[in-house]
């Protein structure tokens, strides 16, 4: 397995060290770097259908996201890349892998608004009014079902 290969697991499949490293990475990016004191551990990581995706460098996660089942749609969230690993395409590989897992299902996310065009490159379109979350502008986005087409 190469350093930039996407790994995926349910919570039950994560070993304790990897789980700790994923949550630490999310805290580094969202709570410390973006100065958003919020409760990251919202219980959704534990859902049996939740998938955790990540890329490692030197044996430690440097980029991550989670894919949740919201019933009618899957939800991409908690997309984070360590500052030291940005600009290497890790987030793009993670999103592409999440969409491959989603298959034909509708996928939604709440993009930081400055990333709307980036997510549009994966087939997402704005799907509602923008909003502020922890002082950061966000835009709800949706990728329609891909019936009969590759994700």
C-alpha atoms as a PDB file:
ATOM      1  CA  UNK A   1       0.000   0.000   0.000  1.00  0.00           C
ATOM      2  CA  UNK A   2       1.462   3.351  -1.049  1.00  0.00           C
ATOM      3  CA  UNK A   3       1.567   6.375   1.223  1.00  0.00           C
ATOM      4  CA  UNK A   4      -1.094   8.210  -0.811  1.00  0.00           C
ATOM      5  CA  UNK A   5      -3.481   5.265  -1.094  1.00  0.00           C
ATOM      6  CA  UNK A   6      -6.880   5.860   0.446  1.00  0.00           C
ATOM      7  CA  UNK A   7      -7.746   3.642   3.378  1.00  0.00           C
ATOM      8  CA  UNK A   8     -11.271   3.087   4.600  1.00  0.00           C
ATOM      9  CA  UNK A   9     -12.837   1.483   7.646  1.00  0.00           C
ATOM     10  CA  UNK A  10     -15.897   1.498   9.838  1.00  0.00           C
ATOM     11  CA  UNK A  11     -15.375   2.582  13.424  1.00  0.00           C
ATOM     12  CA  UNK A  12     -15.398  -1.055  14.558  1.00  0.00           C
ATOM     13  CA  UNK A  13     -12.578  -1.798  12.096  1.00  0.00           C
ATOM     14  CA  UNK A  14     -10.335   1.056  13.276  1.00  0.00           C
ATOM     15  CA  UNK A  15      -7.529   0.221  15.659  1.00  0.00           C
ATOM     16  CA  UNK A  16      -7.241   2.521  18.666  1.00  0.00           C
ATOM     17  CA  UNK A  17      -4.117   4.338  17.436  1.00  0.00           C
ATOM     18  CA  UNK A  18      -5.582   5.137  14.013  1.00  0.00           C
ATOM     19  CA  UNK A  19      -8.867   6.335  15.532  1.00  0.00           C
ATOM     20  CA  UNK A  20      -6.938   8.587  17.924  1.00  0.00           C
ATOM     21  CA  UNK A  21      -4.821   9.971  15.061  1.00  0.00           C
ATOM     22  CA  UNK A  22      -7.881  10.690  12.901  1.00  0.00           C
ATOM     23  CA  UNK A  23      -9.621  12.597  15.693  1.00  0.00           C
ATOM     24  CA  UNK A  24      -6.388  14.443  16.549  1.00  0.00           C
ATOM     25  CA  UNK A  25      -6.015  15.504  12.905  1.00  0.00           C
ATOM     26  CA  UNK A  26      -9.580  16.794  12.807  1.00  0.00           C
ATOM     27  CA  UNK A  27      -9.009  18.700  16.049  1.00  0.00           C
ATOM     28  CA  UNK A  28      -5.757  20.195  14.740  1.00  0.00           C
ATOM     29  CA  UNK A  29      -7.476  21.500  11.606  1.00  0.00           C
ATOM     30  CA  UNK A  30     -10.920  22.515  12.828  1.00  0.00           C
ATOM     31  CA  UNK A  31     -10.512  23.386  16.506  1.00  0.00           C
ATOM     32  CA  UNK A  32      -6.950  24.736  16.587  1.00  0.00           C
ATOM     33  CA  UNK A  33      -6.153  26.034  13.087  1.00  0.00           C
ATOM     34  CA  UNK A  34      -9.640  27.286  12.168  1.00  0.00           C
ATOM     35  CA  UNK A  35     -10.364  28.355  15.755  1.00  0.00           C
ATOM     36  CA  UNK A  36     -13.746  26.594  15.877  1.00  0.00           C
ATOM     37  CA  UNK A  37     -14.319  25.274  19.387  1.00  0.00           C
ATOM     38  CA  UNK A  38     -17.004  22.690  18.747  1.00  0.00           C
ATOM     39  CA  UNK A  39     -17.718  19.133  19.816  1.00  0.00           C
ATOM     40  CA  UNK A  40     -16.187  17.065  16.996  1.00  0.00           C
ATOM     41  CA  UNK A  41     -17.091  13.780  18.689  1.00  0.00           C
ATOM     42  CA  UNK A  42     -20.805  13.922  17.912  1.00  0.00           C
ATOM     43  CA  UNK A  43     -21.487  10.176  18.065  1.00  0.00           C
ATOM     44  CA  UNK A  44     -21.916   9.803  14.302  1.00  0.00           C
ATOM     45  CA  UNK A  45     -18.441   8.308  13.876  1.00  0.00           C
ATOM     46  CA  UNK A  46     -19.736   5.253  15.749  1.00  0.00           C
ATOM     47  CA  UNK A  47     -22.673   4.565  13.429  1.00  0.00           C
ATOM     48  CA  UNK A  48     -22.301   1.116  11.818  1.00  0.00           C
ATOM     49  CA  UNK A  49     -22.775   2.597   8.331  1.00  0.00           C
ATOM     50  CA  UNK A  50     -20.223   5.406   8.841  1.00  0.00           C
ATOM     51  CA  UNK A  51     -17.049   5.045   6.803  1.00  0.00           C
ATOM     52  CA  UNK A  52     -13.786   6.740   7.743  1.00  0.00           C
ATOM     53  CA  UNK A  53     -11.410   7.451   4.891  1.00  0.00           C
ATOM     54  CA  UNK A  54      -7.836   8.626   5.255  1.00  0.00           C
ATOM     55  CA  UNK A  55      -4.433   8.945   3.633  1.00  0.00           C
ATOM     56  CA  UNK A  56      -1.250   8.230   5.591  1.00  0.00           C
ATOM     57  CA  UNK A  57       2.246   9.613   5.378  1.00  0.00           C
ATOM     58  CA  UNK A  58       5.044   8.054   7.414  1.00  0.00           C
ATOM     59  CA  UNK A  59       2.504   5.801   9.112  1.00  0.00           C
ATOM     60  CA  UNK A  60       0.178   8.559  10.326  1.00  0.00           C
ATOM     61  CA  UNK A  61      -3.000  10.025   8.811  1.00  0.00           C
ATOM     62  CA  UNK A  62      -2.458  13.373   7.050  1.00  0.00           C
ATOM     63  CA  UNK A  63      -5.897  13.705   5.433  1.00  0.00           C
ATOM     64  CA  UNK A  64      -9.305  12.361   6.366  1.00  0.00           C
ATOM     65  CA  UNK A  65     -13.042  12.546   5.790  1.00  0.00           C
ATOM     66  CA  UNK A  66     -16.083  10.645   6.949  1.00  0.00           C
ATOM     67  CA  UNK A  67     -19.005   9.361   4.940  1.00  0.00           C
ATOM     68  CA  UNK A  68     -22.336   9.109   6.753  1.00  0.00           C
ATOM     69  CA  UNK A  69     -25.678   7.633   5.773  1.00  0.00           C
ATOM     70  CA  UNK A  70     -28.335  10.326   6.262  1.00  0.00           C
ATOM     71  CA  UNK A  71     -31.133   8.039   5.091  1.00  0.00           C
ATOM     72  CA  UNK A  72     -32.000   9.335   1.649  1.00  0.00           C
ATOM     73  CA  UNK A  73     -28.474  10.538   0.901  1.00  0.00           C
ATOM     74  CA  UNK A  74     -24.909   9.964   1.964  1.00  0.00           C
ATOM     75  CA  UNK A  75     -23.088  12.872   3.611  1.00  0.00           C
ATOM     76  CA  UNK A  76     -19.419  13.757   3.227  1.00  0.00           C
ATOM     77  CA  UNK A  77     -18.043  15.677   6.185  1.00  0.00           C
ATOM     78  CA  UNK A  78     -15.068  16.337   8.413  1.00  0.00           C
ATOM     79  CA  UNK A  79     -12.783  16.760   5.360  1.00  0.00           C
ATOM     80  CA  UNK A  80      -9.410  17.739   6.802  1.00  0.00           C
ATOM     81  CA  UNK A  81      -5.805  17.772   5.619  1.00  0.00           C
ATOM     82  CA  UNK A  82      -2.824  18.517   7.831  1.00  0.00           C
ATOM     83  CA  UNK A  83      -1.197  21.844   6.940  1.00  0.00           C
ATOM     84  CA  UNK A  84       2.071  20.042   6.184  1.00  0.00           C
ATOM     85  CA  UNK A  85       0.375  17.774   3.611  1.00  0.00           C
ATOM     86  CA  UNK A  86      -1.738  20.259   1.657  1.00  0.00           C
ATOM     87  CA  UNK A  87      -1.383  20.756  -2.067  1.00  0.00           C
ATOM     88  CA  UNK A  88      -0.675  17.087  -2.788  1.00  0.00           C
ATOM     89  CA  UNK A  89      -4.155  16.033  -3.911  1.00  0.00           C
ATOM     90  CA  UNK A  90      -4.987  14.035  -0.788  1.00  0.00           C
ATOM     91  CA  UNK A  91      -8.426  15.631  -0.267  1.00  0.00           C
ATOM     92  CA  UNK A  92      -9.302  15.037  -3.912  1.00  0.00           C
ATOM     93  CA  UNK A  93      -8.396  11.371  -3.642  1.00  0.00           C
ATOM     94  CA  UNK A  94     -10.526  11.092  -0.503  1.00  0.00           C
ATOM     95  CA  UNK A  95     -13.566  12.722  -2.111  1.00  0.00           C
ATOM     96  CA  UNK A  96     -13.195  10.550  -5.225  1.00  0.00           C
ATOM     97  CA  UNK A  97     -12.978   7.430  -3.047  1.00  0.00           C
ATOM     98  CA  UNK A  98     -16.054   8.492  -1.044  1.00  0.00           C
ATOM     99  CA  UNK A  99     -17.997   9.016  -4.265  1.00  0.00           C
ATOM    100  CA  UNK A 100     -16.912   5.599  -5.505  1.00  0.00           C
ATOM    101  CA  UNK A 101     -18.247   4.089  -2.265  1.00  0.00           C
ATOM    102  CA  UNK A 102     -21.490   6.052  -2.728  1.00  0.00           C
ATOM    103  CA  UNK A 103     -22.058   4.521  -6.131  1.00  0.00           C
ATOM    104  CA  UNK A 104     -25.422   5.609  -7.485  1.00  0.00           C
ATOM    105  CA  UNK A 105     -26.624   7.318  -4.278  1.00  0.00           C
ATOM    106  CA  UNK A 106     -27.192  11.019  -3.801  1.00  0.00           C
ATOM    107  CA  UNK A 107     -24.328  12.638  -1.874  1.00  0.00           C
ATOM    108  CA  UNK A 108     -24.553  15.898   0.079  1.00  0.00           C
ATOM    109  CA  UNK A 109     -22.078  18.048   1.969  1.00  0.00           C
ATOM    110  CA  UNK A 110     -21.716  21.479   3.529  1.00  0.00           C
ATOM    111  CA  UNK A 111     -18.733  23.037   1.784  1.00  0.00           C
ATOM    112  CA  UNK A 112     -16.740  25.899   3.163  1.00  0.00           C
ATOM    113  CA  UNK A 113     -17.883  28.482   0.626  1.00  0.00           C
ATOM    114  CA  UNK A 114     -14.432  29.198  -0.782  1.00  0.00           C
ATOM    115  CA  UNK A 115     -14.342  25.526  -1.889  1.00  0.00           C
ATOM    116  CA  UNK A 116     -17.626  25.496  -3.865  1.00  0.00           C
ATOM    117  CA  UNK A 117     -15.838  25.479  -7.229  1.00  0.00           C
ATOM    118  CA  UNK A 118     -13.490  22.710  -6.076  1.00  0.00           C
ATOM    119  CA  UNK A 119     -16.422  20.483  -5.070  1.00  0.00           C
ATOM    120  CA  UNK A 120     -18.203  21.380  -8.337  1.00  0.00           C
ATOM    121  CA  UNK A 121     -15.348  19.556 -10.076  1.00  0.00           C
ATOM    122  CA  UNK A 122     -16.678  16.353  -8.470  1.00  0.00           C
ATOM    123  CA  UNK A 123     -20.219  16.961  -9.724  1.00  0.00           C
ATOM    124  CA  UNK A 124     -21.617  18.839  -6.721  1.00  0.00           C
ATOM    125  CA  UNK A 125     -23.892  21.867  -7.133  1.00  0.00           C
ATOM    126  CA  UNK A 126     -25.112  24.360  -4.528  1.00  0.00           C
ATOM    127  CA  UNK A 127     -28.410  23.149  -3.105  1.00  0.00           C
ATOM    128  CA  UNK A 128     -29.486  25.837  -0.672  1.00  0.00           C
ATOM    129  CA  UNK A 129     -28.702  29.139   0.952  1.00  0.00           C
ATOM    130  CA  UNK A 130     -25.298  29.747   2.416  1.00  0.00           C
ATOM    131  CA  UNK A 131     -24.914  29.857   6.181  1.00  0.00           C
ATOM    132  CA  UNK A 132     -22.332  30.590   8.837  1.00  0.00           C
ATOM    133  CA  UNK A 133     -20.987  27.734  10.917  1.00  0.00           C
ATOM    134  CA  UNK A 134     -18.521  28.711  13.621  1.00  0.00           C
ATOM    135  CA  UNK A 135     -18.053  32.033  11.817  1.00  0.00           C
ATOM    136  CA  UNK A 136     -17.073  30.344   8.513  1.00  0.00           C
ATOM    137  CA  UNK A 137     -19.318  30.741   5.429  1.00  0.00           C
ATOM    138  CA  UNK A 138     -20.646  27.378   4.191  1.00  0.00           C
ATOM    139  CA  UNK A 139     -22.719  26.352   1.187  1.00  0.00           C
ATOM    140  CA  UNK A 140     -24.892  23.219   1.121  1.00  0.00           C
ATOM    141  CA  UNK A 141     -24.091  21.124  -1.963  1.00  0.00           C
ATOM    142  CA  UNK A 142     -25.541  18.038  -3.573  1.00  0.00           C
ATOM    143  CA  UNK A 143     -24.417  15.510  -6.160  1.00  0.00           C
ATOM    144  CA  UNK A 144     -27.422  13.850  -7.736  1.00  0.00           C
ATOM    145  CA  UNK A 145     -27.771  10.084  -8.021  1.00  0.00           C
ATOM    146  CA  UNK A 146     -25.634   8.591 -10.760  1.00  0.00           C
ATOM    147  CA  UNK A 147     -28.005   5.931 -12.057  1.00  0.00           C
ATOM    148  CA  UNK A 148     -26.300   3.835 -14.702  1.00  0.00           C
ATOM    149  CA  UNK A 149     -23.076   5.854 -14.584  1.00  0.00           C
ATOM    150  CA  UNK A 150     -19.796   5.446 -12.766  1.00  0.00           C
ATOM    151  CA  UNK A 151     -19.390   7.538  -9.635  1.00  0.00           C
END
